[in-house]
Each structure stands twice: as C-alpha cells, then as structure tokens.
N, C-alpha and C. Protein backbone atom coordinates (compact mmCIF):
# COMPACT_ATOMS: atom_id res chain seq x y z
N MET A 1 25.58 -114.51 -19.56
CA MET A 1 26.69 -113.75 -20.09
C MET A 1 26.25 -113.01 -21.32
N SER A 2 26.79 -111.82 -21.45
CA SER A 2 26.46 -111.06 -22.63
C SER A 2 27.50 -111.34 -23.70
N THR A 3 27.04 -111.51 -24.91
CA THR A 3 27.96 -111.72 -26.00
C THR A 3 27.56 -110.85 -27.16
N SER A 4 28.52 -110.53 -27.97
CA SER A 4 28.26 -109.87 -29.23
C SER A 4 29.09 -110.60 -30.27
N PRO A 5 28.77 -110.44 -31.54
CA PRO A 5 29.52 -111.17 -32.56
C PRO A 5 31.01 -110.96 -32.41
N GLY A 6 31.76 -112.05 -32.43
CA GLY A 6 33.20 -111.98 -32.35
C GLY A 6 33.77 -111.86 -30.96
N THR A 7 32.93 -111.92 -29.93
CA THR A 7 33.46 -111.82 -28.58
C THR A 7 33.21 -113.10 -27.83
N THR A 8 34.08 -113.37 -26.89
CA THR A 8 33.94 -114.53 -26.03
C THR A 8 32.94 -114.20 -24.95
N THR A 9 32.17 -115.16 -24.54
CA THR A 9 31.21 -114.96 -23.46
C THR A 9 31.96 -114.68 -22.18
N ARG A 10 31.49 -113.68 -21.42
CA ARG A 10 32.17 -113.31 -20.18
C ARG A 10 31.66 -114.14 -19.02
N ALA A 11 32.31 -113.99 -17.90
CA ALA A 11 32.03 -114.79 -16.71
C ALA A 11 30.70 -114.49 -16.06
N SER A 12 29.98 -113.48 -16.52
CA SER A 12 28.75 -113.08 -15.85
C SER A 12 27.68 -114.16 -15.87
N SER A 13 27.74 -115.12 -16.79
CA SER A 13 26.73 -116.18 -16.78
C SER A 13 26.93 -117.10 -15.58
N CYS A 14 28.13 -117.11 -15.08
CA CYS A 14 28.40 -117.89 -13.87
C CYS A 14 28.12 -116.97 -12.69
N CYS A 15 26.85 -116.82 -12.37
CA CYS A 15 26.49 -115.81 -11.37
C CYS A 15 26.86 -116.23 -9.95
N ALA A 16 27.23 -117.47 -9.75
CA ALA A 16 27.59 -117.95 -8.41
C ALA A 16 29.07 -118.31 -8.38
N PRO A 17 29.70 -118.16 -7.24
CA PRO A 17 31.09 -118.60 -7.12
C PRO A 17 31.19 -120.10 -7.39
N LEU A 18 32.36 -120.53 -7.77
CA LEU A 18 32.60 -121.94 -8.05
C LEU A 18 32.26 -122.83 -6.87
N VAL A 19 32.37 -122.30 -5.67
CA VAL A 19 32.12 -123.13 -4.48
C VAL A 19 30.64 -123.28 -4.17
N ARG A 20 29.78 -122.50 -4.82
CA ARG A 20 28.35 -122.60 -4.55
C ARG A 20 27.67 -123.65 -5.41
N ALA A 21 28.01 -123.69 -6.67
CA ALA A 21 27.35 -124.63 -7.58
C ALA A 21 28.34 -125.05 -8.66
N PRO A 22 28.27 -126.31 -9.06
CA PRO A 22 29.16 -126.77 -10.14
C PRO A 22 28.86 -126.03 -11.44
N LEU A 23 29.88 -125.79 -12.20
CA LEU A 23 29.71 -125.15 -13.50
C LEU A 23 29.12 -126.13 -14.49
N ALA A 24 28.22 -125.65 -15.32
CA ALA A 24 27.75 -126.44 -16.45
C ALA A 24 28.88 -126.51 -17.48
N ALA A 25 28.81 -127.44 -18.38
CA ALA A 25 29.87 -127.64 -19.37
C ALA A 25 30.14 -126.36 -20.16
N GLN A 26 29.08 -125.67 -20.61
CA GLN A 26 29.27 -124.45 -21.41
C GLN A 26 29.85 -123.33 -20.56
N GLU A 27 29.42 -123.21 -19.31
CA GLU A 27 29.97 -122.20 -18.41
C GLU A 27 31.46 -122.45 -18.20
N ALA A 28 31.85 -123.69 -18.01
CA ALA A 28 33.26 -124.02 -17.83
C ALA A 28 34.07 -123.69 -19.08
N ALA A 29 33.52 -123.99 -20.24
CA ALA A 29 34.22 -123.69 -21.50
C ALA A 29 34.37 -122.17 -21.67
N ASP A 30 33.31 -121.42 -21.37
CA ASP A 30 33.37 -119.96 -21.47
C ASP A 30 34.38 -119.37 -20.51
N LEU A 31 34.36 -119.83 -19.27
CA LEU A 31 35.30 -119.33 -18.27
C LEU A 31 36.73 -119.70 -18.64
N ALA A 32 36.93 -120.89 -19.15
CA ALA A 32 38.28 -121.32 -19.56
C ALA A 32 38.81 -120.42 -20.68
N ARG A 33 37.96 -120.05 -21.64
CA ARG A 33 38.40 -119.15 -22.72
C ARG A 33 38.80 -117.79 -22.16
N LEU A 34 38.03 -117.30 -21.22
CA LEU A 34 38.34 -116.01 -20.60
C LEU A 34 39.66 -116.08 -19.83
N LEU A 35 39.81 -117.12 -19.03
CA LEU A 35 41.05 -117.26 -18.25
C LEU A 35 42.26 -117.47 -19.16
N LYS A 36 42.06 -118.17 -20.26
CA LYS A 36 43.16 -118.37 -21.22
C LYS A 36 43.59 -117.02 -21.80
N ALA A 37 42.61 -116.14 -22.03
CA ALA A 37 42.94 -114.82 -22.58
C ALA A 37 43.80 -114.01 -21.63
N ILE A 38 43.59 -114.16 -20.32
CA ILE A 38 44.39 -113.36 -19.38
C ILE A 38 45.59 -114.12 -18.82
N ALA A 39 45.74 -115.37 -19.21
CA ALA A 39 46.85 -116.20 -18.69
C ALA A 39 48.11 -116.01 -19.53
N ASP A 40 48.44 -114.79 -19.79
CA ASP A 40 49.63 -114.45 -20.56
C ASP A 40 50.24 -113.21 -19.91
N PRO A 41 51.51 -113.22 -19.61
CA PRO A 41 52.12 -112.07 -18.92
C PRO A 41 51.95 -110.75 -19.67
N ALA A 42 52.08 -110.77 -20.99
CA ALA A 42 51.93 -109.52 -21.75
C ALA A 42 50.50 -109.01 -21.66
N ARG A 43 49.52 -109.90 -21.72
CA ARG A 43 48.12 -109.46 -21.64
C ARG A 43 47.77 -108.96 -20.24
N LEU A 44 48.31 -109.60 -19.21
CA LEU A 44 48.09 -109.10 -17.85
C LEU A 44 48.68 -107.71 -17.69
N ARG A 45 49.87 -107.52 -18.25
CA ARG A 45 50.49 -106.19 -18.18
C ARG A 45 49.68 -105.16 -18.96
N LEU A 46 49.14 -105.57 -20.12
CA LEU A 46 48.31 -104.65 -20.89
C LEU A 46 47.08 -104.22 -20.10
N LEU A 47 46.41 -105.17 -19.46
CA LEU A 47 45.25 -104.82 -18.64
C LEU A 47 45.65 -103.80 -17.58
N SER A 48 46.77 -104.04 -16.93
CA SER A 48 47.25 -103.15 -15.88
C SER A 48 47.65 -101.78 -16.43
N LEU A 49 48.35 -101.78 -17.55
CA LEU A 49 48.77 -100.51 -18.15
C LEU A 49 47.57 -99.66 -18.57
N VAL A 50 46.60 -100.28 -19.19
CA VAL A 50 45.41 -99.55 -19.63
C VAL A 50 44.64 -99.03 -18.43
N ALA A 51 44.38 -99.89 -17.47
CA ALA A 51 43.57 -99.52 -16.30
C ALA A 51 44.23 -98.44 -15.46
N SER A 52 45.55 -98.42 -15.39
CA SER A 52 46.23 -97.48 -14.51
C SER A 52 46.54 -96.13 -15.17
N ARG A 53 46.28 -95.99 -16.45
CA ARG A 53 46.55 -94.72 -17.13
C ARG A 53 45.51 -93.67 -16.74
N ASP A 54 45.93 -92.42 -16.78
CA ASP A 54 44.99 -91.33 -16.56
C ASP A 54 43.84 -91.46 -17.55
N GLY A 55 42.62 -91.40 -17.07
CA GLY A 55 41.46 -91.55 -17.92
C GLY A 55 41.09 -93.00 -18.18
N GLY A 56 41.93 -93.94 -17.74
CA GLY A 56 41.62 -95.36 -17.89
C GLY A 56 41.60 -95.86 -19.31
N GLU A 57 42.35 -95.20 -20.21
CA GLU A 57 42.41 -95.65 -21.59
C GLU A 57 43.79 -95.40 -22.16
N ALA A 58 44.11 -96.17 -23.20
CA ALA A 58 45.42 -96.02 -23.82
C ALA A 58 45.33 -96.38 -25.29
N CYS A 59 46.19 -95.76 -26.05
CA CYS A 59 46.35 -96.06 -27.47
C CYS A 59 47.45 -97.12 -27.60
N VAL A 60 47.38 -97.93 -28.63
CA VAL A 60 48.41 -98.94 -28.83
C VAL A 60 49.79 -98.28 -28.89
N CYS A 61 49.86 -97.06 -29.40
CA CYS A 61 51.15 -96.36 -29.48
C CYS A 61 51.72 -96.05 -28.10
N ASP A 62 50.86 -96.01 -27.07
CA ASP A 62 51.31 -95.78 -25.70
C ASP A 62 51.78 -97.06 -25.01
N LEU A 63 51.52 -98.20 -25.62
CA LEU A 63 51.73 -99.48 -24.94
C LEU A 63 52.92 -100.27 -25.46
N THR A 64 53.40 -99.97 -26.64
CA THR A 64 54.49 -100.76 -27.21
C THR A 64 55.79 -100.60 -26.43
N GLU A 65 56.15 -99.38 -26.11
CA GLU A 65 57.42 -99.15 -25.40
C GLU A 65 57.43 -99.78 -24.00
N PRO A 66 56.40 -99.56 -23.17
CA PRO A 66 56.44 -100.17 -21.83
C PRO A 66 56.51 -101.70 -21.86
N LEU A 67 55.91 -102.31 -22.89
CA LEU A 67 55.94 -103.76 -22.99
C LEU A 67 57.20 -104.28 -23.67
N GLY A 68 57.84 -103.43 -24.47
CA GLY A 68 59.01 -103.86 -25.20
C GLY A 68 58.66 -104.83 -26.33
N LEU A 69 57.43 -104.70 -26.84
CA LEU A 69 56.96 -105.56 -27.93
C LEU A 69 56.63 -104.69 -29.14
N SER A 70 56.62 -105.31 -30.31
CA SER A 70 56.29 -104.59 -31.53
C SER A 70 54.81 -104.21 -31.56
N GLN A 71 54.49 -103.21 -32.36
CA GLN A 71 53.10 -102.76 -32.48
C GLN A 71 52.18 -103.89 -32.95
N PRO A 72 52.56 -104.70 -33.96
CA PRO A 72 51.66 -105.79 -34.35
C PRO A 72 51.42 -106.81 -33.23
N THR A 73 52.43 -107.09 -32.42
CA THR A 73 52.27 -108.03 -31.31
C THR A 73 51.36 -107.46 -30.24
N VAL A 74 51.55 -106.19 -29.90
CA VAL A 74 50.68 -105.54 -28.92
C VAL A 74 49.25 -105.51 -29.43
N SER A 75 49.07 -105.18 -30.72
CA SER A 75 47.73 -105.15 -31.30
C SER A 75 47.07 -106.52 -31.25
N HIS A 76 47.82 -107.57 -31.47
CA HIS A 76 47.29 -108.93 -31.39
C HIS A 76 46.80 -109.23 -29.96
N HIS A 77 47.61 -108.89 -28.98
CA HIS A 77 47.22 -109.12 -27.58
C HIS A 77 45.99 -108.29 -27.21
N LEU A 78 45.94 -107.05 -27.67
CA LEU A 78 44.78 -106.20 -27.40
C LEU A 78 43.51 -106.78 -28.03
N LYS A 79 43.63 -107.30 -29.24
CA LYS A 79 42.48 -107.92 -29.91
C LYS A 79 41.99 -109.12 -29.11
N THR A 80 42.91 -109.91 -28.59
CA THR A 80 42.53 -111.07 -27.77
C THR A 80 41.74 -110.62 -26.55
N LEU A 81 42.19 -109.55 -25.91
CA LEU A 81 41.50 -109.03 -24.72
C LEU A 81 40.15 -108.42 -25.07
N VAL A 82 40.04 -107.80 -26.22
CA VAL A 82 38.75 -107.26 -26.68
C VAL A 82 37.80 -108.42 -26.97
N ASP A 83 38.29 -109.43 -27.68
CA ASP A 83 37.46 -110.60 -28.02
C ASP A 83 36.98 -111.33 -26.76
N ALA A 84 37.78 -111.28 -25.70
CA ALA A 84 37.41 -111.93 -24.45
C ALA A 84 36.42 -111.10 -23.63
N GLY A 85 36.17 -109.87 -24.07
CA GLY A 85 35.22 -109.02 -23.37
C GLY A 85 35.82 -108.27 -22.20
N LEU A 86 37.15 -108.19 -22.14
CA LEU A 86 37.81 -107.49 -21.03
C LEU A 86 38.14 -106.04 -21.36
N LEU A 87 38.47 -105.78 -22.61
CA LEU A 87 38.76 -104.42 -23.07
C LEU A 87 37.76 -104.04 -24.14
N GLN A 88 37.53 -102.74 -24.25
CA GLN A 88 36.74 -102.23 -25.36
C GLN A 88 37.62 -101.31 -26.19
N ARG A 89 37.30 -101.21 -27.46
CA ARG A 89 38.10 -100.45 -28.42
C ARG A 89 37.25 -99.34 -28.99
N GLU A 90 37.83 -98.13 -29.03
CA GLU A 90 37.16 -96.99 -29.64
C GLU A 90 38.08 -96.38 -30.68
N LYS A 91 37.63 -96.32 -31.89
CA LYS A 91 38.42 -95.75 -32.98
C LYS A 91 38.24 -94.24 -33.00
N ARG A 92 39.36 -93.52 -33.01
CA ARG A 92 39.36 -92.06 -33.09
C ARG A 92 40.34 -91.65 -34.18
N GLY A 93 39.82 -91.32 -35.33
CA GLY A 93 40.69 -90.99 -36.46
C GLY A 93 41.45 -92.24 -36.86
N ILE A 94 42.77 -92.12 -36.90
CA ILE A 94 43.59 -93.28 -37.27
C ILE A 94 44.01 -94.11 -36.07
N TRP A 95 43.69 -93.65 -34.87
CA TRP A 95 44.11 -94.34 -33.65
C TRP A 95 42.96 -95.10 -33.01
N ALA A 96 43.32 -96.18 -32.35
CA ALA A 96 42.34 -96.94 -31.57
C ALA A 96 42.73 -96.82 -30.10
N TYR A 97 41.75 -96.52 -29.27
CA TYR A 97 41.96 -96.38 -27.84
C TYR A 97 41.26 -97.53 -27.12
N TYR A 98 41.91 -98.06 -26.11
CA TYR A 98 41.42 -99.22 -25.38
C TYR A 98 41.15 -98.83 -23.94
N SER A 99 40.07 -99.39 -23.39
CA SER A 99 39.74 -99.19 -21.98
C SER A 99 39.11 -100.47 -21.45
N LEU A 100 39.13 -100.63 -20.14
CA LEU A 100 38.52 -101.81 -19.52
C LEU A 100 37.01 -101.77 -19.72
N VAL A 101 36.43 -102.92 -19.96
CA VAL A 101 34.98 -103.03 -19.96
C VAL A 101 34.56 -102.92 -18.50
N PRO A 102 33.69 -101.97 -18.17
CA PRO A 102 33.29 -101.80 -16.77
C PRO A 102 32.77 -103.11 -16.16
N GLY A 103 33.35 -103.49 -15.04
CA GLY A 103 32.90 -104.67 -14.31
C GLY A 103 33.42 -106.00 -14.80
N ALA A 104 34.12 -106.04 -15.93
CA ALA A 104 34.55 -107.33 -16.49
C ALA A 104 35.49 -108.09 -15.54
N LEU A 105 36.46 -107.41 -14.97
CA LEU A 105 37.38 -108.09 -14.04
C LEU A 105 36.68 -108.44 -12.74
N ASP A 106 35.73 -107.62 -12.33
CA ASP A 106 34.96 -107.92 -11.12
C ASP A 106 34.17 -109.20 -11.30
N GLU A 107 33.63 -109.41 -12.49
CA GLU A 107 32.87 -110.62 -12.77
C GLU A 107 33.75 -111.86 -12.68
N VAL A 108 34.98 -111.76 -13.20
CA VAL A 108 35.92 -112.88 -13.10
C VAL A 108 36.23 -113.16 -11.64
N ALA A 109 36.51 -112.11 -10.89
CA ALA A 109 36.84 -112.28 -9.47
C ALA A 109 35.67 -112.88 -8.71
N GLN A 110 34.46 -112.48 -9.04
CA GLN A 110 33.27 -112.98 -8.35
C GLN A 110 33.13 -114.49 -8.55
N VAL A 111 33.38 -114.96 -9.74
CA VAL A 111 33.26 -116.39 -10.03
C VAL A 111 34.31 -117.18 -9.26
N LEU A 112 35.50 -116.61 -9.13
CA LEU A 112 36.61 -117.34 -8.52
C LEU A 112 36.69 -117.23 -7.01
N THR A 113 35.83 -116.44 -6.41
CA THR A 113 35.85 -116.27 -4.96
C THR A 113 35.46 -117.57 -4.25
N THR A 114 35.98 -117.75 -3.06
CA THR A 114 35.60 -118.93 -2.27
C THR A 114 34.49 -118.61 -1.28
N THR A 115 34.00 -117.38 -1.31
CA THR A 115 32.92 -116.97 -0.44
C THR A 115 31.60 -117.04 -1.20
N ALA A 116 30.70 -117.88 -0.76
CA ALA A 116 29.38 -117.98 -1.40
C ALA A 116 28.49 -116.89 -0.84
N HIS A 117 28.04 -116.00 -1.71
CA HIS A 117 27.16 -114.91 -1.29
C HIS A 117 25.71 -115.35 -1.37
N GLY A 118 24.89 -114.78 -0.49
CA GLY A 118 23.45 -114.91 -0.54
C GLY A 118 22.93 -116.25 -0.35
C-alpha cells in the first residue's frame, strides 16, 4: 500500500481477495480503517457526488446543499476521505477541489471480491 504522511494506508497492500489468503494483522487494521472511513452515509454520498460531477471533481461549496450539512461538517467528512486515500484535494485560490484518487475504490472492491484471480 502506498502511504504519505497523514494518510491511511489503502487496500492495495492486500493484493489478493480475502478468499485467497488470510489477511495479516496490519493488513486487516489498514483495511478496517479504510472501511470505517466509508461506512458513513454522508461520506458515501460525498464519494458519489464527487465522482458523478462533470469533470469528476467538486468544491466543498458544491456539496453542502445536496447533503444538507454545514460547510464545517462537509469539510470534516472530506478530510476523512482524503486521509483514507479515497479522495485527493487540490487547492485553487481560496477554494479546495476534491476528486477520487484513481483506482482507490477499485482496490477496495478487489480485496472484497469472492473471486480469486490468477
């Protein structure tokens, strides 16, 4: 798994589906942190809202109304998703724009599949 300071390790270190090989303790802890980050209805909606927007990115100002949450609450959820390695943040002037980390959700899906590849 790739990590950078302040981010949670992503599921990529678990290169095999759960049904192929047992997870090591650290892999299980890393995957649990990732799943905990997305196990919130507001965060799942944020992932969907960002991914489905034209250009695949959104500013926090675009996300507060659809969620019906305050800007600080939306920003907190976005930070959690960035820290988990699912979203990336790009600062443009006074605004921050969020987009999916390419392949991050695919990596989660790959780990959770019941089909053992290769």
